Protein backbone atom coordinates (compact mmCIF):
# COMPACT_ATOMS: atom_id res chain seq x y z
CA MET A 1 3.54 17.38 -5.03
CA GLU A 2 1.23 19.38 -7.24
CA ALA A 3 1.29 23.05 -8.13
CA VAL A 4 -2.46 23.65 -7.75
CA GLY A 5 -4.16 25.30 -10.74
CA TYR A 6 -0.84 26.31 -12.25
CA HIS A 7 -0.63 24.90 -15.75
CA GLY A 8 -2.74 23.67 -18.62
CA PHE A 9 -4.76 24.91 -21.58
CA LEU A 10 -7.15 26.32 -19.03
CA PRO A 11 -4.98 26.49 -15.92
CA GLY A 12 -5.23 23.22 -14.04
CA CYS A 13 -7.97 21.72 -16.22
CA LEU A 14 -6.19 19.31 -18.53
CA THR A 15 -2.72 18.99 -17.08
CA LYS A 16 -1.27 19.14 -13.61
CA ARG A 17 2.24 20.32 -12.83
CA CYS A 18 3.59 17.74 -10.41
CA LYS A 19 6.93 17.19 -8.73
CA ILE A 20 8.27 13.65 -8.60
CA GLY A 21 11.06 13.70 -6.08
CA LEU A 22 12.51 12.02 -3.06
CA SER A 23 12.36 13.19 0.53
CA ARG A 24 12.88 11.56 3.90
CA ASN A 25 10.27 13.93 5.36
CA PRO A 26 7.67 15.04 2.77
CA GLN A 27 5.79 17.29 5.23
CA LEU A 28 8.97 19.20 6.08
CA ARG A 29 9.79 19.46 2.37
CA LEU A 30 6.33 20.89 1.70
CA GLN A 31 6.79 23.38 4.54
CA ASN A 32 10.09 24.47 2.96
CA PHE A 33 8.24 25.15 -0.29
CA HIS A 34 5.64 27.23 1.52
CA ASP A 35 8.31 29.13 3.47
CA ASN A 36 9.97 30.11 0.18
CA GLN A 37 6.66 31.53 -1.07
CA PRO A 38 6.12 29.80 -4.42
CA PRO A 39 3.89 31.61 -6.94
CA CYS A 40 1.12 29.04 -6.40
CA ASP A 41 -0.26 26.69 -3.77
CA ILE A 42 1.50 23.36 -3.48
CA GLN A 43 0.03 20.21 -1.98
CA ILE A 44 1.20 16.62 -1.55
CA ILE A 45 -0.80 14.27 -3.75
CA LYS A 46 0.77 10.96 -2.79
CA THR A 47 3.77 9.59 -0.94
CA ILE A 48 5.19 6.07 -0.97
CA TYR A 49 7.89 4.32 1.01
CA VAL A 50 10.66 2.70 -1.04
CA GLU A 51 13.92 1.03 -0.07
CA ASP A 52 16.13 2.82 -2.63
CA MET A 53 14.76 6.34 -3.10
CA ALA A 54 17.36 7.49 -5.62
CA ALA A 55 16.92 4.45 -7.89
CA VAL A 56 13.11 4.69 -7.90
CA GLU A 57 13.23 8.45 -8.50
CA ALA A 58 15.59 7.94 -11.47
CA LYS A 59 13.30 5.24 -12.95
CA LEU A 60 10.23 7.46 -12.60
CA HIS A 61 12.02 10.48 -14.10
CA LYS A 62 13.15 8.34 -17.05
CA GLN A 63 9.70 6.83 -17.53
CA PHE A 64 8.01 10.25 -17.63
CA LYS A 65 10.85 12.17 -19.32
CA TYR A 66 8.53 13.24 -22.15
CA CYS A 67 6.41 15.15 -19.57
CA ASN A 68 9.38 16.89 -17.93
CA VAL A 69 9.19 20.68 -17.56
CA LYS A 70 12.41 22.34 -18.66
CA LEU A 71 13.38 24.51 -15.68
CA ALA A 72 16.78 26.03 -14.93
CA LYS A 73 16.93 24.88 -11.29
CA SER A 74 14.89 21.66 -11.23
CA LYS A 75 14.28 18.58 -13.32
CA GLU A 76 11.66 17.14 -10.96
CA TRP A 77 8.57 18.95 -12.28
CA PHE A 78 6.32 17.24 -14.82
CA ASP A 79 3.21 18.36 -16.71
CA LEU A 80 0.90 15.36 -16.43
CA ASN A 81 -2.38 14.89 -18.26
CA PRO A 82 -5.02 12.63 -16.66
CA VAL A 83 -3.66 9.49 -18.38
CA ASP A 84 -0.07 10.29 -17.35
CA LEU A 85 -1.23 10.99 -13.79
CA MET A 86 -2.92 7.58 -13.70
CA ARG A 87 0.29 5.98 -15.02
CA VAL A 88 2.32 7.73 -12.29
CA ASN A 89 -0.06 6.37 -9.64
CA LEU A 90 0.28 2.85 -11.09
CA ALA A 91 4.08 3.20 -11.10
CA PHE A 92 3.97 4.40 -7.47
CA SER A 93 1.93 1.32 -6.56
CA ARG A 94 4.42 -0.92 -8.33
CA TYR A 95 7.47 0.63 -6.63
CA SER A 96 5.99 0.96 -3.14
CA SER A 97 7.58 -1.36 -0.56
CA HIS A 98 4.22 -1.88 1.15
CA VAL A 99 2.34 -3.45 -1.76
CA ILE A 100 0.69 -6.82 -1.18
CA ALA A 101 0.66 -7.42 -4.96
CA ASP A 102 4.39 -8.22 -4.76
CA ILE A 103 3.48 -11.48 -3.00
CA SER A 104 2.50 -14.28 -5.37
CA PRO A 105 -1.14 -15.43 -5.23
CA VAL A 106 0.04 -18.98 -4.44
CA LYS A 107 1.88 -17.79 -1.33
CA ILE A 108 -1.14 -15.75 -0.25
CA SER A 109 -3.42 -18.79 -0.76
CA PHE A 110 -1.19 -21.12 1.26
CA GLY A 111 -0.80 -18.49 3.97
CA LEU A 112 -4.57 -18.10 4.28
CA LEU A 113 -5.02 -21.88 4.24
CA GLY A 114 -2.48 -22.26 7.05
CA ILE A 115 -4.23 -19.59 9.12
CA ALA A 116 -7.60 -21.31 8.56
CA VAL A 117 -6.18 -24.68 9.71
CA LEU A 118 -4.73 -23.09 12.85
CA ILE A 119 -8.02 -21.36 13.67
CA MET A 120 -10.00 -24.57 13.15
CA ALA A 121 -7.59 -26.53 15.38
CA LEU A 122 -7.86 -23.86 18.07
CA ILE A 123 -11.67 -23.88 17.90
CA ALA A 124 -11.77 -27.69 18.02
CA THR A 125 -9.63 -27.87 21.16
CA GLN A 126 -11.56 -25.15 22.97
CA THR A 127 -15.15 -26.16 22.21
CA THR A 128 -14.93 -29.92 22.75
CA PRO A 129 -16.27 -30.46 26.27
CA LYS A 130 -14.68 -33.21 28.30
CA GLN A 131 -17.27 -35.87 29.02
CA GLN A 132 -17.09 -38.00 32.08
CA GLN A 133 -16.90 -41.65 31.35
CA LEU A 134 -19.58 -43.53 33.16
CA GLU A 135 -18.64 -46.82 34.66
CA ILE A 136 -21.11 -49.49 33.71
CA LYS A 137 -21.61 -52.09 36.40
CA PRO A 138 -23.63 -55.21 35.95
CA ILE A 139 -26.88 -55.27 37.83
CA VAL A 140 -27.08 -58.13 40.20
CA GLU A 141 -30.52 -59.11 41.49
CA ARG A 142 -31.12 -62.01 43.78
CA GLY A 143 -27.90 -63.56 42.76
CA VAL A 144 -28.63 -63.58 39.00
CA ASN A 145 -26.52 -61.63 36.54
CA LEU A 146 -28.52 -59.78 33.96
């Protein structure tokens, strides 16, 4: 989540105040923020699905500890410059459970090769017309075989 236009040398220009936290329902969490009337607008920038939310959250908080905003009630807010924001997005991509990059290129190649072989076999069996075999009989004229 991002506190829109809230922090920076010129508010919101160089740094963004973002919350890195876990939630089973990010939209409901955002609504709770709005219901409690924060001093600024808050929007969801990005969400990812992970198997172990607490472990991933702890890793991200540790990785970006130097950006942490010292607040009395929360340790989930970070002041991120553009480079840090890019690093957070890369970390999100790495931790997301729905990332194809986790599959090795060799496995992807063999999977695609297998699919191609199956498709070619399917096409070959469907497009080959069955030809009738013609019976060749010898021509017999006036008692002479030709």
